C-alpha cells in the first residue's frame, strides 16, 4: 500500500521572481498526477508557446528512483515553469542560529 502524506508543491516560473506554494495530501502517484495537471494547465494558459514534447505531460515521464522529491516541467519557447513536490516530513526546520 502506498504511503499517504502531506506534500508541499512549489511552482517557479523562470520569467518571474519568487514561487507559489501549495499543499496536497496523497501518495506519490497522486502527486505525480497533480503535477501533470499543473503542467497541462500552464500549457493551456500559454498554448501558443507550449512545448508539449519537452514537458512533463504524463505520469510515465517522471524519472525513477528520485530521492525525496518529484519535479515536473512545463517548457515554453522562452521560459519554463518548474513544479517541485516534496513530502512535508522531509522539510527541515530553520536553524535559529542562521
C-alpha atoms as a PDB file:
ATOM      1  CA  UNK A   1       0.000   0.000   0.000  1.00  0.00           C
ATOM      2  CA  UNK A   2       1.315   3.441  -0.927  1.00  0.00           C
ATOM      3  CA  UNK A   3       2.151   5.905   1.835  1.00  0.00           C
ATOM      4  CA  UNK A   4      -0.236   8.850   2.029  1.00  0.00           C
ATOM      5  CA  UNK A   5       1.386  12.017   3.335  1.00  0.00           C
ATOM      6  CA  UNK A   6       1.219  15.784   3.064  1.00  0.00           C
ATOM      7  CA  UNK A   7       3.303  17.238   0.222  1.00  0.00           C
ATOM      8  CA  UNK A   8       4.452  20.793  -0.430  1.00  0.00           C
ATOM      9  CA  UNK A   9       4.431  21.761  -4.113  1.00  0.00           C
ATOM     10  CA  UNK A  10       6.291  24.820  -5.377  1.00  0.00           C
ATOM     11  CA  UNK A  11       5.767  26.413  -8.779  1.00  0.00           C
ATOM     12  CA  UNK A  12       8.582  28.590 -10.107  1.00  0.00           C
ATOM     13  CA  UNK A  13       8.419  30.459 -13.407  1.00  0.00           C
ATOM     14  CA  UNK A  14      11.862  31.237 -14.878  1.00  0.00           C
ATOM     15  CA  UNK A  15      10.473  34.613 -16.061  1.00  0.00           C
ATOM     16  CA  UNK A  16       9.476  35.733 -12.555  1.00  0.00           C
ATOM     17  CA  UNK A  17      10.983  36.015  -9.113  1.00  0.00           C
ATOM     18  CA  UNK A  18       9.525  34.002  -6.279  1.00  0.00           C
ATOM     19  CA  UNK A  19       7.449  30.868  -6.185  1.00  0.00           C
ATOM     20  CA  UNK A  20       3.897  29.819  -5.464  1.00  0.00           C
ATOM     21  CA  UNK A  21       3.468  27.185  -2.787  1.00  0.00           C
ATOM     22  CA  UNK A  22       0.715  24.602  -2.436  1.00  0.00           C
ATOM     23  CA  UNK A  23      -0.082  21.757  -0.042  1.00  0.00           C
ATOM     24  CA  UNK A  24      -1.672  18.439  -1.065  1.00  0.00           C
ATOM     25  CA  UNK A  25      -2.413  15.164   0.706  1.00  0.00           C
ATOM     26  CA  UNK A  26      -1.742  11.995  -1.292  1.00  0.00           C
ATOM     27  CA  UNK A  27       0.613   9.196  -2.161  1.00  0.00           C
ATOM     28  CA  UNK A  28       3.441   9.545  -4.685  1.00  0.00           C
ATOM     29  CA  UNK A  29       1.243   8.551  -7.632  1.00  0.00           C
ATOM     30  CA  UNK A  30      -1.439  11.102  -6.614  1.00  0.00           C
ATOM     31  CA  UNK A  31       1.202  13.822  -6.500  1.00  0.00           C
ATOM     32  CA  UNK A  32       2.616  12.863  -9.894  1.00  0.00           C
ATOM     33  CA  UNK A  33      -0.913  13.136 -11.339  1.00  0.00           C
ATOM     34  CA  UNK A  34      -1.321  16.553  -9.686  1.00  0.00           C
ATOM     35  CA  UNK A  35       1.977  17.797 -11.102  1.00  0.00           C
ATOM     36  CA  UNK A  36       0.971  16.650 -14.592  1.00  0.00           C
ATOM     37  CA  UNK A  37      -2.328  18.544 -14.197  1.00  0.00           C
ATOM     38  CA  UNK A  38      -0.406  21.668 -13.223  1.00  0.00           C
ATOM     39  CA  UNK A  39       1.885  21.355 -16.248  1.00  0.00           C
ATOM     40  CA  UNK A  40      -1.088  20.897 -18.577  1.00  0.00           C
ATOM     41  CA  UNK A  41      -2.859  23.907 -17.034  1.00  0.00           C
ATOM     42  CA  UNK A  42       0.227  26.059 -17.580  1.00  0.00           C
ATOM     43  CA  UNK A  43       0.354  24.765 -21.164  1.00  0.00           C
ATOM     44  CA  UNK A  44      -3.272  25.769 -21.765  1.00  0.00           C
ATOM     45  CA  UNK A  45      -2.574  29.223 -20.339  1.00  0.00           C
ATOM     46  CA  UNK A  46       0.253  29.730 -22.885  1.00  0.00           C
ATOM     47  CA  UNK A  47      -0.747  27.312 -25.642  1.00  0.00           C
ATOM     48  CA  UNK A  48       0.945  29.284 -28.444  1.00  0.00           C
ATOM     49  CA  UNK A  49       4.430  28.727 -26.981  1.00  0.00           C
ATOM     50  CA  UNK A  50       3.942  25.451 -25.033  1.00  0.00           C
ATOM     51  CA  UNK A  51       6.460  22.748 -25.949  1.00  0.00           C
ATOM     52  CA  UNK A  52       4.491  19.611 -25.102  1.00  0.00           C
ATOM     53  CA  UNK A  53       7.271  17.239 -26.197  1.00  0.00           C
ATOM     54  CA  UNK A  54       9.750  18.762 -23.731  1.00  0.00           C
ATOM     55  CA  UNK A  55       7.261  18.993 -20.859  1.00  0.00           C
ATOM     56  CA  UNK A  56       6.083  16.525 -18.212  1.00  0.00           C
ATOM     57  CA  UNK A  57       2.650  15.639 -19.631  1.00  0.00           C
ATOM     58  CA  UNK A  58       2.307  12.060 -18.403  1.00  0.00           C
ATOM     59  CA  UNK A  59       2.944  10.236 -15.124  1.00  0.00           C
ATOM     60  CA  UNK A  60       5.309   7.928 -17.055  1.00  0.00           C
ATOM     61  CA  UNK A  61       7.549  10.964 -17.776  1.00  0.00           C
ATOM     62  CA  UNK A  62       8.861  11.030 -14.195  1.00  0.00           C
ATOM     63  CA  UNK A  63      12.324   9.637 -13.571  1.00  0.00           C
ATOM     64  CA  UNK A  64      12.516   6.581 -11.355  1.00  0.00           C
ATOM     65  CA  UNK A  65      14.412   6.494  -8.057  1.00  0.00           C
ATOM     66  CA  UNK A  66      14.491  10.230  -7.406  1.00  0.00           C
ATOM     67  CA  UNK A  67      15.307  10.859  -3.748  1.00  0.00           C
ATOM     68  CA  UNK A  68      12.907  12.860  -1.610  1.00  0.00           C
ATOM     69  CA  UNK A  69      11.225  14.959  -4.305  1.00  0.00           C
ATOM     70  CA  UNK A  70       9.381  14.980  -7.644  1.00  0.00           C
ATOM     71  CA  UNK A  71       9.883  17.507 -10.450  1.00  0.00           C
ATOM     72  CA  UNK A  72       7.665  18.268 -13.437  1.00  0.00           C
ATOM     73  CA  UNK A  73       8.456  20.894 -16.084  1.00  0.00           C
ATOM     74  CA  UNK A  74       6.270  22.969 -18.377  1.00  0.00           C
ATOM     75  CA  UNK A  75       8.565  24.091 -21.204  1.00  0.00           C
ATOM     76  CA  UNK A  76       7.789  27.098 -23.396  1.00  0.00           C
ATOM     77  CA  UNK A  77       9.697  28.894 -26.175  1.00  0.00           C
ATOM     78  CA  UNK A  78      11.332  31.480 -23.917  1.00  0.00           C
ATOM     79  CA  UNK A  79      10.783  30.243 -20.377  1.00  0.00           C
ATOM     80  CA  UNK A  80       9.835  27.237 -18.261  1.00  0.00           C
ATOM     81  CA  UNK A  81       7.862  26.530 -15.112  1.00  0.00           C
ATOM     82  CA  UNK A  82       9.237  24.011 -12.611  1.00  0.00           C
ATOM     83  CA  UNK A  83       6.812  22.223 -10.308  1.00  0.00           C
ATOM     84  CA  UNK A  84       8.622  20.546  -7.395  1.00  0.00           C
ATOM     85  CA  UNK A  85       6.923  18.380  -4.762  1.00  0.00           C
ATOM     86  CA  UNK A  86       8.489  17.238  -1.510  1.00  0.00           C
ATOM     87  CA  UNK A  87       6.870  15.424   1.420  1.00  0.00           C
ATOM     88  CA  UNK A  88       6.273  17.806   4.306  1.00  0.00           C
ATOM     89  CA  UNK A  89       8.000  15.447   6.730  1.00  0.00           C
ATOM     90  CA  UNK A  90      11.226  15.755   4.655  1.00  0.00           C
ATOM     91  CA  UNK A  91      11.403  19.527   5.194  1.00  0.00           C
ATOM     92  CA  UNK A  92      13.731  20.660   7.946  1.00  0.00           C
ATOM     93  CA  UNK A  93      13.064  23.378  10.476  1.00  0.00           C
ATOM     94  CA  UNK A  94      15.051  26.585  10.123  1.00  0.00           C
ATOM     95  CA  UNK A  95      18.166  26.649  12.273  1.00  0.00           C
ATOM     96  CA  UNK A  96      17.654  29.578  14.687  1.00  0.00           C
ATOM     97  CA  UNK A  97      21.422  30.203  14.639  1.00  0.00           C
ATOM     98  CA  UNK A  98      21.337  31.082  10.926  1.00  0.00           C
END
